[in-house]
Amino acid sequence: MTMTSHAPHSAPPSPIVWTSVQSGLWVGKIDGEFAGMIEASKGQGYVATTRLAKSLGTFASVSEAKASFSG
């Protein structure tokens, strides 16, 4: 007799919902939980930081900073 095991299907991750909370500051949430933030850096670009305060880098646009969270 052969037994096979099927791994449970996991749901795809929820997208991050971004909200501009003030000029130059965006907060991201996944399912209502804090996921990270993006802050404009005085002419230097946009700094992306995870919920655990890990810097993802400085990016030329808000779109690029948001995309850094998907990696």
PDB file of N, CA and C in Angstrom:
ATOM      1  N   MET A   1       0.847  -1.165   0.000  1.00  0.00           N
ATOM      2  CA  MET A   1       0.000   0.000   0.000  1.00  0.00           C
ATOM      3  C   MET A   1       0.896   1.232   0.000  1.00  0.00           C
ATOM      4  N   THR A   2       0.539   2.184  -0.842  1.00  0.00           N
ATOM      5  CA  THR A   2       1.296   3.425  -0.943  1.00  0.00           C
ATOM      6  C   THR A   2       0.485   4.558  -0.339  1.00  0.00           C
ATOM      7  N   MET A   3       1.120   5.323   0.512  1.00  0.00           N
ATOM      8  CA  MET A   3       0.439   6.478   1.114  1.00  0.00           C
ATOM      9  C   MET A   3       1.032   7.741   0.517  1.00  0.00           C
ATOM     10  N   THR A   4       0.179   8.637   0.179  1.00  0.00           N
ATOM     11  CA  THR A   4       0.650   9.923  -0.323  1.00  0.00           C
ATOM     12  C   THR A   4       0.187  11.009   0.622  1.00  0.00           C
ATOM     13  N   SER A   5       1.014  11.979   0.720  1.00  0.00           N
ATOM     14  CA  SER A   5       0.701  13.115   1.581  1.00  0.00           C
ATOM     15  C   SER A   5       0.523  14.343   0.712  1.00  0.00           C
ATOM     16  N   HIS A   6      -0.518  15.050   0.957  1.00  0.00           N
ATOM     17  CA  HIS A   6      -0.773  16.281   0.213  1.00  0.00           C
ATOM     18  C   HIS A   6      -0.551  17.470   1.141  1.00  0.00           C
ATOM     19  N   ALA A   7       0.326  18.344   0.726  1.00  0.00           N
ATOM     20  CA  ALA A   7       0.572  19.548   1.514  1.00  0.00           C
ATOM     21  C   ALA A   7      -0.665  20.438   1.462  1.00  0.00           C
ATOM     22  N   PRO A   8      -1.017  21.038   2.565  1.00  0.00           N
ATOM     23  CA  PRO A   8      -2.180  21.941   2.554  1.00  0.00           C
ATOM     24  C   PRO A   8      -1.910  23.139   1.650  1.00  0.00           C
ATOM     25  N   HIS A   9      -2.938  23.562   0.977  1.00  0.00           N
ATOM     26  CA  HIS A   9      -2.810  24.730   0.110  1.00  0.00           C
ATOM     27  C   HIS A   9      -2.825  25.980   0.971  1.00  0.00           C
ATOM     28  N   SER A  10      -1.868  26.820   0.761  1.00  0.00           N
ATOM     29  CA  SER A  10      -1.835  28.064   1.527  1.00  0.00           C
ATOM     30  C   SER A  10      -2.352  29.193   0.645  1.00  0.00           C
ATOM     31  N   ALA A  11      -3.038  30.094   1.261  1.00  0.00           N
ATOM     32  CA  ALA A  11      -3.588  31.244   0.537  1.00  0.00           C
ATOM     33  C   ALA A  11      -2.452  32.175   0.151  1.00  0.00           C
ATOM     34  N   PRO A  12      -2.585  32.848  -0.980  1.00  0.00           N
ATOM     35  CA  PRO A  12      -1.548  33.820  -1.346  1.00  0.00           C
ATOM     36  C   PRO A  12      -1.506  34.934  -0.310  1.00  0.00           C
ATOM     37  N   PRO A  13      -0.343  35.528  -0.115  1.00  0.00           N
ATOM     38  CA  PRO A  13      -0.256  36.596   0.887  1.00  0.00           C
ATOM     39  C   PRO A  13      -1.145  37.779   0.500  1.00  0.00           C
ATOM     40  N   SER A  14      -1.698  38.392   1.513  1.00  0.00           N
ATOM     41  CA  SER A  14      -2.518  39.579   1.281  1.00  0.00           C
ATOM     42  C   SER A  14      -1.624  40.727   0.829  1.00  0.00           C
ATOM     43  N   PRO A  15      -2.159  41.593  -0.012  1.00  0.00           N
ATOM     44  CA  PRO A  15      -1.349  42.743  -0.445  1.00  0.00           C
ATOM     45  C   PRO A  15      -1.215  43.770   0.683  1.00  0.00           C
ATOM     46  N   ILE A  16      -0.175  44.557   0.600  1.00  0.00           N
ATOM     47  CA  ILE A  16      -0.006  45.648   1.560  1.00  0.00           C
ATOM     48  C   ILE A  16      -0.894  46.803   1.107  1.00  0.00           C
ATOM     49  N   VAL A  17      -1.656  47.335   2.031  1.00  0.00           N
ATOM     50  CA  VAL A  17      -2.497  48.506   1.772  1.00  0.00           C
ATOM     51  C   VAL A  17      -1.751  49.712   2.326  1.00  0.00           C
ATOM     52  N   TRP A  18      -1.447  50.669   1.429  1.00  0.00           N
ATOM     53  CA  TRP A  18      -0.675  51.845   1.811  1.00  0.00           C
ATOM     54  C   TRP A  18      -1.588  53.036   2.054  1.00  0.00           C
ATOM     55  N   THR A  19      -1.300  53.779   3.122  1.00  0.00           N
ATOM     56  CA  THR A  19      -2.050  54.980   3.470  1.00  0.00           C
ATOM     57  C   THR A  19      -1.064  56.113   3.734  1.00  0.00           C
ATOM     58  N   SER A  20      -1.324  57.259   3.117  1.00  0.00           N
ATOM     59  CA  SER A  20      -0.512  58.440   3.387  1.00  0.00           C
ATOM     60  C   SER A  20      -1.049  59.062   4.671  1.00  0.00           C
ATOM     61  N   VAL A  21      -0.254  59.023   5.738  1.00  0.00           N
ATOM     62  CA  VAL A  21      -0.720  59.522   7.026  1.00  0.00           C
ATOM     63  C   VAL A  21      -0.360  60.979   7.257  1.00  0.00           C
ATOM     64  N   GLN A  22       0.619  61.470   6.499  1.00  0.00           N
ATOM     65  CA  GLN A  22       0.972  62.891   6.491  1.00  0.00           C
ATOM     66  C   GLN A  22       1.887  63.099   5.288  1.00  0.00           C
ATOM     67  N   SER A  23       2.175  64.324   4.986  1.00  0.00           N
ATOM     68  CA  SER A  23       3.020  64.620   3.838  1.00  0.00           C
ATOM     69  C   SER A  23       4.377  63.923   3.989  1.00  0.00           C
ATOM     70  N   GLY A  24       4.712  63.071   3.007  1.00  0.00           N
ATOM     71  CA  GLY A  24       6.007  62.401   3.023  1.00  0.00           C
ATOM     72  C   GLY A  24       6.086  61.153   3.874  1.00  0.00           C
ATOM     73  N   LEU A  25       4.948  60.633   4.359  1.00  0.00           N
ATOM     74  CA  LEU A  25       4.964  59.438   5.198  1.00  0.00           C
ATOM     75  C   LEU A  25       3.809  58.519   4.830  1.00  0.00           C
ATOM     76  N   TRP A  26       4.146  57.271   4.473  1.00  0.00           N
ATOM     77  CA  TRP A  26       3.152  56.257   4.123  1.00  0.00           C
ATOM     78  C   TRP A  26       3.301  55.092   5.074  1.00  0.00           C
ATOM     79  N   VAL A  27       2.165  54.549   5.534  1.00  0.00           N
ATOM     80  CA  VAL A  27       2.159  53.392   6.418  1.00  0.00           C
ATOM     81  C   VAL A  27       1.462  52.254   5.680  1.00  0.00           C
ATOM     82  N   GLY A  28       2.095  51.077   5.718  1.00  0.00           N
ATOM     83  CA  GLY A  28       1.528  49.903   5.071  1.00  0.00           C
ATOM     84  C   GLY A  28       0.991  48.928   6.090  1.00  0.00           C
ATOM     85  N   LYS A  29      -0.157  48.315   5.754  1.00  0.00           N
ATOM     86  CA  LYS A  29      -0.765  47.309   6.628  1.00  0.00           C
ATOM     87  C   LYS A  29      -1.146  46.090   5.799  1.00  0.00           C
ATOM     88  N   ILE A  30      -1.008  44.925   6.420  1.00  0.00           N
ATOM     89  CA  ILE A  30      -1.474  43.669   5.839  1.00  0.00           C
ATOM     90  C   ILE A  30      -2.519  43.114   6.793  1.00  0.00           C
ATOM     91  N   ASP A  31      -3.723  42.930   6.298  1.00  0.00           N
ATOM     92  CA  ASP A  31      -4.828  42.432   7.127  1.00  0.00           C
ATOM     93  C   ASP A  31      -4.966  43.224   8.425  1.00  0.00           C
ATOM     94  N   GLY A  32      -4.775  44.542   8.343  1.00  0.00           N
ATOM     95  CA  GLY A  32      -4.935  45.415   9.498  1.00  0.00           C
ATOM     96  C   GLY A  32      -3.718  45.524  10.403  1.00  0.00           C
ATOM     97  N   GLU A  33      -2.684  44.739  10.142  1.00  0.00           N
ATOM     98  CA  GLU A  33      -1.474  44.750  10.965  1.00  0.00           C
ATOM     99  C   GLU A  33      -0.390  45.586  10.295  1.00  0.00           C
ATOM    100  N   PHE A  34       0.371  46.321  11.074  1.00  0.00           N
ATOM    101  CA  PHE A  34       1.454  47.160  10.571  1.00  0.00           C
ATOM    102  C   PHE A  34       2.464  46.309   9.810  1.00  0.00           C
ATOM    103  N   ALA A  35       2.796  46.716   8.574  1.00  0.00           N
ATOM    104  CA  ALA A  35       3.747  45.981   7.743  1.00  0.00           C
ATOM    105  C   ALA A  35       5.047  46.751   7.526  1.00  0.00           C
ATOM    106  N   GLY A  36       4.966  48.073   7.603  1.00  0.00           N
ATOM    107  CA  GLY A  36       6.152  48.884   7.384  1.00  0.00           C
ATOM    108  C   GLY A  36       5.784  50.310   7.029  1.00  0.00           C
ATOM    109  N   MET A  37       6.807  51.102   6.700  1.00  0.00           N
ATOM    110  CA  MET A  37       6.540  52.492   6.348  1.00  0.00           C
ATOM    111  C   MET A  37       7.533  52.978   5.310  1.00  0.00           C
ATOM    112  N   ILE A  38       7.137  54.042   4.658  1.00  0.00           N
ATOM    113  CA  ILE A  38       7.979  54.709   3.670  1.00  0.00           C
ATOM    114  C   ILE A  38       7.990  56.181   4.036  1.00  0.00           C
ATOM    115  N   GLU A  39       9.191  56.748   4.083  1.00  0.00           N
ATOM    116  CA  GLU A  39       9.334  58.147   4.476  1.00  0.00           C
ATOM    117  C   GLU A  39      10.185  58.896   3.454  1.00  0.00           C
ATOM    118  N   ALA A  40       9.689  60.058   3.023  1.00  0.00           N
ATOM    119  CA  ALA A  40      10.471  60.912   2.122  1.00  0.00           C
ATOM    120  C   ALA A  40      11.682  61.410   2.884  1.00  0.00           C
ATOM    121  N   SER A  41      12.831  61.415   2.198  1.00  0.00           N
ATOM    122  CA  SER A  41      14.086  61.782   2.849  1.00  0.00           C
ATOM    123  C   SER A  41      14.679  63.038   2.214  1.00  0.00           C
ATOM    124  N   LYS A  42      14.121  64.173   2.515  1.00  0.00           N
ATOM    125  CA  LYS A  42      14.621  65.499   2.105  1.00  0.00           C
ATOM    126  C   LYS A  42      15.470  65.498   0.834  1.00  0.00           C
ATOM    127  N   GLY A  43      14.841  65.205  -0.288  1.00  0.00           N
ATOM    128  CA  GLY A  43      15.529  65.249  -1.564  1.00  0.00           C
ATOM    129  C   GLY A  43      16.437  64.066  -1.850  1.00  0.00           C
ATOM    130  N   GLN A  44      16.496  63.114  -0.942  1.00  0.00           N
ATOM    131  CA  GLN A  44      17.364  61.945  -1.103  1.00  0.00           C
ATOM    132  C   GLN A  44      16.610  60.718  -1.599  1.00  0.00           C
ATOM    133  N   GLY A  45      15.296  60.801  -1.721  1.00  0.00           N
ATOM    134  CA  GLY A  45      14.489  59.663  -2.147  1.00  0.00           C
ATOM    135  C   GLY A  45      13.508  59.253  -1.067  1.00  0.00           C
ATOM    136  N   TYR A  46      13.160  57.969  -1.070  1.00  0.00           N
ATOM    137  CA  TYR A  46      12.149  57.433  -0.164  1.00  0.00           C
ATOM    138  C   TYR A  46      12.730  56.221   0.556  1.00  0.00           C
ATOM    139  N   VAL A  47      12.735  56.290   1.872  1.00  0.00           N
ATOM    140  CA  VAL A  47      13.311  55.235   2.697  1.00  0.00           C
ATOM    141  C   VAL A  47      12.205  54.268   3.096  1.00  0.00           C
ATOM    142  N   ALA A  48      12.418  52.973   2.814  1.00  0.00           N
ATOM    143  CA  ALA A  48      11.462  51.926   3.164  1.00  0.00           C
ATOM    144  C   ALA A  48      11.980  51.162   4.376  1.00  0.00           C
ATOM    145  N   THR A  49      11.096  50.960   5.368  1.00  0.00           N
ATOM    146  CA  THR A  49      11.461  50.274   6.603  1.00  0.00           C
ATOM    147  C   THR A  49      10.387  49.251   6.941  1.00  0.00           C
ATOM    148  N   THR A  50      10.790  48.026   7.278  1.00  0.00           N
ATOM    149  CA  THR A  50       9.837  46.971   7.620  1.00  0.00           C
ATOM    150  C   THR A  50       9.242  47.177   9.007  1.00  0.00           C
ATOM    151  N   ARG A  51       8.284  46.344   9.327  1.00  0.00           N
ATOM    152  CA  ARG A  51       7.632  46.406  10.650  1.00  0.00           C
ATOM    153  C   ARG A  51       8.604  46.124  11.780  1.00  0.00           C
ATOM    154  N   LEU A  52       9.725  45.459  11.456  1.00  0.00           N
ATOM    155  CA  LEU A  52      10.737  45.156  12.466  1.00  0.00           C
ATOM    156  C   LEU A  52      11.902  46.147  12.433  1.00  0.00           C
ATOM    157  N   ALA A  53      11.673  47.301  11.805  1.00  0.00           N
ATOM    158  CA  ALA A  53      12.647  48.398  11.712  1.00  0.00           C
ATOM    159  C   ALA A  53      13.862  48.070  10.859  1.00  0.00           C
ATOM    160  N   LYS A  54      13.740  47.086   9.964  1.00  0.00           N
ATOM    161  CA  LYS A  54      14.821  46.760   9.036  1.00  0.00           C
ATOM    162  C   LYS A  54      14.710  47.658   7.812  1.00  0.00           C
ATOM    163  N   SER A  55      15.777  48.368   7.494  1.00  0.00           N
ATOM    164  CA  SER A  55      15.776  49.235   6.318  1.00  0.00           C
ATOM    165  C   SER A  55      15.865  48.385   5.055  1.00  0.00           C
ATOM    166  N   LEU A  56      14.988  48.674   4.093  1.00  0.00           N
ATOM    167  CA  LEU A  56      15.034  48.006   2.797  1.00  0.00           C
ATOM    168  C   LEU A  56      15.806  48.838   1.785  1.00  0.00           C
ATOM    169  N   GLY A  57      16.144  50.070   2.162  1.00  0.00           N
ATOM    170  CA  GLY A  57      16.922  50.931   1.294  1.00  0.00           C
ATOM    171  C   GLY A  57      16.241  52.246   1.004  1.00  0.00           C
ATOM    172  N   THR A  58      16.914  53.044   0.181  1.00  0.00           N
ATOM    173  CA  THR A  58      16.393  54.336  -0.264  1.00  0.00           C
ATOM    174  C   THR A  58      16.129  54.223  -1.752  1.00  0.00           C
ATOM    175  N   PHE A  59      14.964  54.675  -2.179  1.00  0.00           N
ATOM    176  CA  PHE A  59      14.513  54.491  -3.548  1.00  0.00           C
ATOM    177  C   PHE A  59      14.172  55.834  -4.194  1.00  0.00           C
ATOM    178  N   ALA A  60      14.227  55.870  -5.509  1.00  0.00           N
ATOM    179  CA  ALA A  60      13.988  57.103  -6.256  1.00  0.00           C
ATOM    180  C   ALA A  60      12.516  57.516  -6.257  1.00  0.00           C
ATOM    181  N   SER A  61      11.605  56.548  -6.106  1.00  0.00           N
ATOM    182  CA  SER A  61      10.177  56.880  -6.129  1.00  0.00           C
ATOM    183  C   SER A  61       9.434  56.090  -5.051  1.00  0.00           C
ATOM    184  N   VAL A  62       8.244  56.561  -4.725  1.00  0.00           N
ATOM    185  CA  VAL A  62       7.401  55.856  -3.757  1.00  0.00           C
ATOM    186  C   VAL A  62       7.041  54.477  -4.311  1.00  0.00           C
ATOM    187  N   SER A  63       6.771  54.393  -5.605  1.00  0.00           N
ATOM    188  CA  SER A  63       6.427  53.109  -6.233  1.00  0.00           C
ATOM    189  C   SER A  63       7.540  52.082  -6.055  1.00  0.00           C
ATOM    190  N   GLU A  64       8.783  52.514  -6.262  1.00  0.00           N
ATOM    191  CA  GLU A  64       9.919  51.599  -6.084  1.00  0.00           C
ATOM    192  C   GLU A  64      10.050  51.181  -4.619  1.00  0.00           C
ATOM    193  N   ALA A  65       9.822  52.110  -3.713  1.00  0.00           N
ATOM    194  CA  ALA A  65       9.893  51.796  -2.286  1.00  0.00           C
ATOM    195  C   ALA A  65       8.819  50.776  -1.906  1.00  0.00           C
ATOM    196  N   LYS A  66       7.602  50.956  -2.413  1.00  0.00           N
ATOM    197  CA  LYS A  66       6.518  50.001  -2.153  1.00  0.00           C
ATOM    198  C   LYS A  66       6.870  48.629  -2.700  1.00  0.00           C
ATOM    199  N   ALA A  67       7.429  48.585  -3.899  1.00  0.00           N
ATOM    200  CA  ALA A  67       7.792  47.320  -4.538  1.00  0.00           C
ATOM    201  C   ALA A  67       8.868  46.571  -3.742  1.00  0.00           C
ATOM    202  N   SER A  68       9.682  47.275  -2.963  1.00  0.00           N
ATOM    203  CA  SER A  68      10.745  46.631  -2.192  1.00  0.00           C
ATOM    204  C   SER A  68      10.192  45.699  -1.122  1.00  0.00           C
ATOM    205  N   PHE A  69       8.935  45.844  -0.760  1.00  0.00           N
ATOM    206  CA  PHE A  69       8.327  45.003   0.260  1.00  0.00           C
ATOM    207  C   PHE A  69       7.912  43.639  -0.274  1.00  0.00           C
ATOM    208  N   SER A  70       7.878  43.481  -1.585  1.00  0.00           N
ATOM    209  CA  SER A  70       7.420  42.208  -2.157  1.00  0.00           C
ATOM    210  C   SER A  70       8.549  41.196  -2.311  1.00  0.00           C
ATOM    211  N   GLY A  71       9.759  41.596  -2.009  1.00  0.00           N
ATOM    212  CA  GLY A  71      10.888  40.693  -2.210  1.00  0.00           C
ATOM    213  C   GLY A  71      11.240  39.844  -1.048  1.00  0.00           C
TER     214      GLY A  71
END
